[in-house]
PDB file of N, CA and C in Angstrom:
ATOM      1  N   UNK A   1     -11.943 -15.319   2.434  1.00  0.00           N
ATOM      2  CA  UNK A   1     -10.608 -14.825   2.653  1.00  0.00           C
ATOM      3  C   UNK A   1     -10.671 -13.784   3.774  1.00  0.00           C
ATOM      4  N   UNK A   2      -9.636 -13.743   4.593  1.00  0.00           N
ATOM      5  CA  UNK A   2      -9.583 -12.804   5.711  1.00  0.00           C
ATOM      6  C   UNK A   2      -9.524 -11.363   5.204  1.00  0.00           C
ATOM      7  N   UNK A   3     -10.100 -10.467   5.988  1.00  0.00           N
ATOM      8  CA  UNK A   3     -10.167  -9.063   5.596  1.00  0.00           C
ATOM      9  C   UNK A   3      -8.766  -8.449   5.443  1.00  0.00           C
ATOM     10  N   UNK A   4      -7.830  -8.775   6.345  1.00  0.00           N
ATOM     11  CA  UNK A   4      -6.499  -8.191   6.246  1.00  0.00           C
ATOM     12  C   UNK A   4      -5.772  -8.680   5.001  1.00  0.00           C
ATOM     13  N   UNK A   5      -6.015  -9.921   4.597  1.00  0.00           N
ATOM     14  CA  UNK A   5      -5.400 -10.447   3.378  1.00  0.00           C
ATOM     15  C   UNK A   5      -5.964  -9.725   2.164  1.00  0.00           C
ATOM     16  N   UNK A   6      -7.268  -9.484   2.155  1.00  0.00           N
ATOM     17  CA  UNK A   6      -7.883  -8.745   1.055  1.00  0.00           C
ATOM     18  C   UNK A   6      -7.290  -7.349   0.945  1.00  0.00           C
ATOM     19  N   UNK A   7      -7.069  -6.712   2.073  1.00  0.00           N
ATOM     20  CA  UNK A   7      -6.488  -5.369   2.073  1.00  0.00           C
ATOM     21  C   UNK A   7      -5.065  -5.376   1.525  1.00  0.00           C
ATOM     22  N   UNK A   8      -4.281  -6.350   1.930  1.00  0.00           N
ATOM     23  CA  UNK A   8      -2.896  -6.436   1.468  1.00  0.00           C
ATOM     24  C   UNK A   8      -2.844  -6.734  -0.030  1.00  0.00           C
ATOM     25  N   UNK A   9      -3.650  -7.672  -0.484  1.00  0.00           N
ATOM     26  CA  UNK A   9      -3.644  -8.042  -1.903  1.00  0.00           C
ATOM     27  C   UNK A   9      -4.168  -6.898  -2.763  1.00  0.00           C
ATOM     28  N   UNK A  10      -5.278  -6.295  -2.369  1.00  0.00           N
ATOM     29  CA  UNK A  10      -5.837  -5.186  -3.150  1.00  0.00           C
ATOM     30  C   UNK A  10      -4.866  -4.008  -3.185  1.00  0.00           C
ATOM     31  N   UNK A  11      -4.264  -3.700  -2.054  1.00  0.00           N
ATOM     32  CA  UNK A  11      -3.285  -2.618  -2.020  1.00  0.00           C
ATOM     33  C   UNK A  11      -2.090  -2.907  -2.906  1.00  0.00           C
ATOM     34  N   UNK A  12      -1.647  -4.149  -2.916  1.00  0.00           N
ATOM     35  CA  UNK A  12      -0.529  -4.525  -3.768  1.00  0.00           C
ATOM     36  C   UNK A  12      -0.857  -4.420  -5.248  1.00  0.00           C
ATOM     37  N   UNK A  13      -2.055  -4.825  -5.615  1.00  0.00           N
ATOM     38  CA  UNK A  13      -2.475  -4.735  -7.019  1.00  0.00           C
ATOM     39  C   UNK A  13      -2.564  -3.268  -7.449  1.00  0.00           C
ATOM     40  N   UNK A  14      -3.149  -2.430  -6.601  1.00  0.00           N
ATOM     41  CA  UNK A  14      -3.238  -1.003  -6.901  1.00  0.00           C
ATOM     42  C   UNK A  14      -1.842  -0.391  -6.996  1.00  0.00           C
ATOM     43  N   UNK A  15      -0.965  -0.771  -6.104  1.00  0.00           N
ATOM     44  CA  UNK A  15       0.394  -0.247  -6.104  1.00  0.00           C
ATOM     45  C   UNK A  15       1.148  -0.617  -7.376  1.00  0.00           C
ATOM     46  N   UNK A  16       1.028  -1.858  -7.808  1.00  0.00           N
ATOM     47  CA  UNK A  16       1.708  -2.289  -9.038  1.00  0.00           C
ATOM     48  C   UNK A  16       1.155  -1.549 -10.246  1.00  0.00           C
ATOM     49  N   UNK A  17      -0.173  -1.438 -10.335  1.00  0.00           N
ATOM     50  CA  UNK A  17      -0.773  -0.698 -11.444  1.00  0.00           C
ATOM     51  C   UNK A  17      -0.358   0.762 -11.451  1.00  0.00           C
ATOM     52  N   UNK A  18      -0.291   1.359 -10.267  1.00  0.00           N
ATOM     53  CA  UNK A  18       0.113   2.758 -10.168  1.00  0.00           C
ATOM     54  C   UNK A  18       1.563   2.945 -10.588  1.00  0.00           C
ATOM     55  N   UNK A  19       2.418   2.018 -10.214  1.00  0.00           N
ATOM     56  CA  UNK A  19       3.827   2.113 -10.627  1.00  0.00           C
ATOM     57  C   UNK A  19       3.962   2.035 -12.143  1.00  0.00           C
ATOM     58  N   UNK A  20       3.197   1.160 -12.781  1.00  0.00           N
ATOM     59  CA  UNK A  20       3.210   1.086 -14.236  1.00  0.00           C
ATOM     60  C   UNK A  20       2.712   2.386 -14.851  1.00  0.00           C
ATOM     61  N   UNK A  21       1.646   2.942 -14.293  1.00  0.00           N
ATOM     62  CA  UNK A  21       1.100   4.190 -14.800  1.00  0.00           C
ATOM     63  C   UNK A  21       2.126   5.313 -14.694  1.00  0.00           C
ATOM     64  N   UNK A  22       2.778   5.420 -13.551  1.00  0.00           N
ATOM     65  CA  UNK A  22       3.787   6.461 -13.350  1.00  0.00           C
ATOM     66  C   UNK A  22       4.956   6.263 -14.310  1.00  0.00           C
ATOM     67  N   UNK A  23       5.326   5.026 -14.558  1.00  0.00           N
ATOM     68  CA  UNK A  23       6.471   4.750 -15.424  1.00  0.00           C
ATOM     69  C   UNK A  23       6.170   5.018 -16.896  1.00  0.00           C
ATOM     70  N   UNK A  24       4.923   4.889 -17.302  1.00  0.00           N
ATOM     71  CA  UNK A  24       4.605   4.953 -18.729  1.00  0.00           C
ATOM     72  C   UNK A  24       4.101   6.301 -19.223  1.00  0.00           C
ATOM     73  N   UNK A  25       3.743   7.213 -18.329  1.00  0.00           N
ATOM     74  CA  UNK A  25       3.236   8.510 -18.774  1.00  0.00           C
ATOM     75  C   UNK A  25       4.252   9.604 -18.476  1.00  0.00           C
ATOM     76  N   UNK A  26       4.022  10.762 -19.058  1.00  0.00           N
ATOM     77  CA  UNK A  26       4.947  11.879 -18.937  1.00  0.00           C
ATOM     78  C   UNK A  26       4.965  12.434 -17.511  1.00  0.00           C
ATOM     79  N   UNK A  27       6.152  12.740 -17.037  1.00  0.00           N
ATOM     80  CA  UNK A  27       6.344  13.278 -15.687  1.00  0.00           C
ATOM     81  C   UNK A  27       5.555  14.574 -15.519  1.00  0.00           C
ATOM     82  N   UNK A  28       4.778  14.664 -14.458  1.00  0.00           N
ATOM     83  CA  UNK A  28       4.047  15.871 -14.135  1.00  0.00           C
ATOM     84  C   UNK A  28       2.689  16.014 -14.794  1.00  0.00           C
ATOM     85  N   UNK A  29       2.324  15.080 -15.655  1.00  0.00           N
ATOM     86  CA  UNK A  29       1.024  15.161 -16.321  1.00  0.00           C
ATOM     87  C   UNK A  29      -0.079  14.715 -15.354  1.00  0.00           C
ATOM     88  N   UNK A  30      -1.324  14.943 -15.756  1.00  0.00           N
ATOM     89  CA  UNK A  30      -2.458  14.563 -14.901  1.00  0.00           C
ATOM     90  C   UNK A  30      -2.491  13.056 -14.623  1.00  0.00           C
ATOM     91  N   UNK A  31      -2.291  12.182 -15.639  1.00  0.00           N
ATOM     92  CA  UNK A  31      -2.272  10.746 -15.319  1.00  0.00           C
ATOM     93  C   UNK A  31      -1.116  10.360 -14.400  1.00  0.00           C
ATOM     94  N   UNK A  32       0.003  11.066 -14.503  1.00  0.00           N
ATOM     95  CA  UNK A  32       1.131  10.790 -13.621  1.00  0.00           C
ATOM     96  C   UNK A  32       0.763  11.109 -12.181  1.00  0.00           C
ATOM     97  N   UNK A  33       0.089  12.239 -11.974  1.00  0.00           N
ATOM     98  CA  UNK A  33      -0.342  12.616 -10.625  1.00  0.00           C
ATOM     99  C   UNK A  33      -1.354  11.623 -10.069  1.00  0.00           C
ATOM    100  N   UNK A  34      -2.240  11.121 -10.926  1.00  0.00           N
ATOM    101  CA  UNK A  34      -3.193  10.086 -10.503  1.00  0.00           C
ATOM    102  C   UNK A  34      -2.433   8.827 -10.095  1.00  0.00           C
ATOM    103  N   UNK A  35      -1.412   8.472 -10.861  1.00  0.00           N
ATOM    104  CA  UNK A  35      -0.593   7.311 -10.524  1.00  0.00           C
ATOM    105  C   UNK A  35       0.106   7.450  -9.192  1.00  0.00           C
ATOM    106  N   UNK A  36       0.619   8.632  -8.903  1.00  0.00           N
ATOM    107  CA  UNK A  36       1.286   8.876  -7.617  1.00  0.00           C
ATOM    108  C   UNK A  36       0.273   8.752  -6.480  1.00  0.00           C
ATOM    109  N   UNK A  37      -0.915   9.332  -6.684  1.00  0.00           N
ATOM    110  CA  UNK A  37      -1.952   9.238  -5.653  1.00  0.00           C
ATOM    111  C   UNK A  37      -2.372   7.786  -5.426  1.00  0.00           C
ATOM    112  N   UNK A  38      -2.511   7.025  -6.503  1.00  0.00           N
ATOM    113  CA  UNK A  38      -2.866   5.609  -6.368  1.00  0.00           C
ATOM    114  C   UNK A  38      -1.754   4.812  -5.687  1.00  0.00           C
ATOM    115  N   UNK A  39      -0.516   5.162  -5.965  1.00  0.00           N
ATOM    116  CA  UNK A  39       0.605   4.480  -5.301  1.00  0.00           C
ATOM    117  C   UNK A  39       0.565   4.725  -3.793  1.00  0.00           C
ATOM    118  N   UNK A  40       0.264   5.948  -3.401  1.00  0.00           N
ATOM    119  CA  UNK A  40       0.148   6.244  -1.967  1.00  0.00           C
ATOM    120  C   UNK A  40      -1.032   5.506  -1.348  1.00  0.00           C
ATOM    121  N   UNK A  41      -2.139   5.459  -2.059  1.00  0.00           N
ATOM    122  CA  UNK A  41      -3.318   4.741  -1.576  1.00  0.00           C
ATOM    123  C   UNK A  41      -3.033   3.245  -1.440  1.00  0.00           C
ATOM    124  N   UNK A  42      -2.389   2.658  -2.442  1.00  0.00           N
ATOM    125  CA  UNK A  42      -2.053   1.235  -2.388  1.00  0.00           C
ATOM    126  C   UNK A  42      -1.083   0.918  -1.267  1.00  0.00           C
ATOM    127  N   UNK A  43      -0.092   1.787  -1.081  1.00  0.00           N
ATOM    128  CA  UNK A  43       0.863   1.583   0.011  1.00  0.00           C
ATOM    129  C   UNK A  43       0.165   1.665   1.364  1.00  0.00           C
ATOM    130  N   UNK A  44      -0.744   2.611   1.480  1.00  0.00           N
ATOM    131  CA  UNK A  44      -1.498   2.749   2.724  1.00  0.00           C
ATOM    132  C   UNK A  44      -2.347   1.527   3.017  1.00  0.00           C
ATOM    133  N   UNK A  45      -2.951   0.952   1.976  1.00  0.00           N
ATOM    134  CA  UNK A  45      -3.773  -0.242   2.165  1.00  0.00           C
ATOM    135  C   UNK A  45      -2.926  -1.435   2.599  1.00  0.00           C
ATOM    136  N   UNK A  46      -1.746  -1.570   2.024  1.00  0.00           N
ATOM    137  CA  UNK A  46      -0.854  -2.674   2.419  1.00  0.00           C
ATOM    138  C   UNK A  46      -0.429  -2.509   3.873  1.00  0.00           C
ATOM    139  N   UNK A  47      -0.015  -1.311   4.245  1.00  0.00           N
ATOM    140  CA  UNK A  47       0.425  -1.061   5.619  1.00  0.00           C
ATOM    141  C   UNK A  47      -0.732  -1.256   6.596  1.00  0.00           C
ATOM    142  N   UNK A  48      -1.917  -0.767   6.239  1.00  0.00           N
ATOM    143  CA  UNK A  48      -3.080  -0.924   7.120  1.00  0.00           C
ATOM    144  C   UNK A  48      -3.428  -2.396   7.299  1.00  0.00           C
ATOM    145  N   UNK A  49      -3.341  -3.178   6.236  1.00  0.00           N
ATOM    146  CA  UNK A  49      -3.624  -4.605   6.345  1.00  0.00           C
ATOM    147  C   UNK A  49      -2.638  -5.317   7.252  1.00  0.00           C
ATOM    148  N   UNK A  50      -1.385  -4.919   7.172  1.00  0.00           N
ATOM    149  CA  UNK A  50      -0.367  -5.534   8.022  1.00  0.00           C
ATOM    150  C   UNK A  50      -0.550  -5.115   9.479  1.00  0.00           C
ATOM    151  N   UNK A  51      -0.789  -3.825   9.701  1.00  0.00           N
ATOM    152  CA  UNK A  51      -0.888  -3.319  11.069  1.00  0.00           C
ATOM    153  C   UNK A  51      -2.108  -3.848  11.815  1.00  0.00           C
ATOM    154  N   UNK A  52      -3.173  -4.209  11.095  1.00  0.00           N
ATOM    155  CA  UNK A  52      -4.355  -4.720  11.789  1.00  0.00           C
ATOM    156  C   UNK A  52      -4.094  -6.077  12.431  1.00  0.00           C
ATOM    157  N   UNK A  53      -3.107  -6.795  11.960  1.00  0.00           N
ATOM    158  CA  UNK A  53      -2.833  -8.123  12.503  1.00  0.00           C
ATOM    159  C   UNK A  53      -1.702  -8.152  13.519  1.00  0.00           C
ATOM    160  N   UNK A  54      -1.021  -7.042  13.719  1.00  0.00           N
ATOM    161  CA  UNK A  54       0.060  -7.018  14.706  1.00  0.00           C
ATOM    162  C   UNK A  54      -0.521  -6.869  16.104  1.00  0.00           C
ATOM    163  N   UNK A  55       0.071  -7.565  17.040  1.00  0.00           N
ATOM    164  CA  UNK A  55      -0.325  -7.434  18.436  1.00  0.00           C
ATOM    165  C   UNK A  55       0.287  -6.164  18.998  1.00  0.00           C
ATOM    166  N   UNK A  56      -0.355  -5.583  20.002  1.00  0.00           N
ATOM    167  CA  UNK A  56       0.227  -4.395  20.622  1.00  0.00           C
ATOM    168  C   UNK A  56       1.545  -4.778  21.294  1.00  0.00           C
ATOM    169  N   UNK A  57       2.534  -3.955  21.108  1.00  0.00           N
ATOM    170  CA  UNK A  57       3.854  -4.220  21.666  1.00  0.00           C
ATOM    171  C   UNK A  57       4.667  -5.217  20.860  1.00  0.00           C
ATOM    172  N   UNK A  58       4.342  -5.398  19.598  1.00  0.00           N
ATOM    173  CA  UNK A  58       5.044  -6.380  18.782  1.00  0.00           C
ATOM    174  C   UNK A  58       6.506  -6.015  18.557  1.00  0.00           C
ATOM    175  N   UNK A  59       6.827  -4.738  18.652  1.00  0.00           N
ATOM    176  CA  UNK A  59       8.191  -4.306  18.368  1.00  0.00           C
ATOM    177  C   UNK A  59       8.965  -3.908  19.614  1.00  0.00           C
ATOM    178  N   UNK A  60       8.427  -4.178  20.794  1.00  0.00           N
ATOM    179  CA  UNK A  60       9.168  -3.846  22.012  1.00  0.00           C
ATOM    180  C   UNK A  60      10.232  -4.887  22.263  1.00  0.00           C
ATOM    181  N   UNK A  61      11.358  -4.450  22.768  1.00  0.00           N
ATOM    182  CA  UNK A  61      12.488  -5.346  23.010  1.00  0.00           C
ATOM    183  C   UNK A  61      12.778  -5.380  24.502  1.00  0.00           C
ATOM    184  N   UNK A  62      12.904  -6.555  25.058  1.00  0.00           N
ATOM    185  CA  UNK A  62      13.338  -6.714  26.422  1.00  0.00           C
ATOM    186  C   UNK A  62      12.241  -6.586  27.477  1.00  0.00           C
ATOM    187  N   UNK A  63      11.029  -6.347  27.092  1.00  0.00           N
ATOM    188  CA  UNK A  63       9.940  -6.236  28.075  1.00  0.00           C
ATOM    189  C   UNK A  63       9.033  -7.450  27.952  1.00  0.00           C
ATOM    190  N   UNK A  64       9.180  -8.346  28.878  1.00  0.00           N
ATOM    191  CA  UNK A  64       8.362  -9.555  28.836  1.00  0.00           C
ATOM    192  C   UNK A  64       7.601  -9.734  30.116  1.00  0.00           C
TER     193      UNK A  64
END
């Protein structure tokens, strides 16, 4: 499997688990803070996986 796909899938799995953790524990507790940190880590992994496959200038408009 391609490295960027692994990053996106792993980040998504971590993100889903973190969301469940945040939803099921008490607000402000230590496990809740761990869940928030994992959610940020998972989101970062998904974004990093996507950005590694974009070509430079992918979002420029009108410059060809």
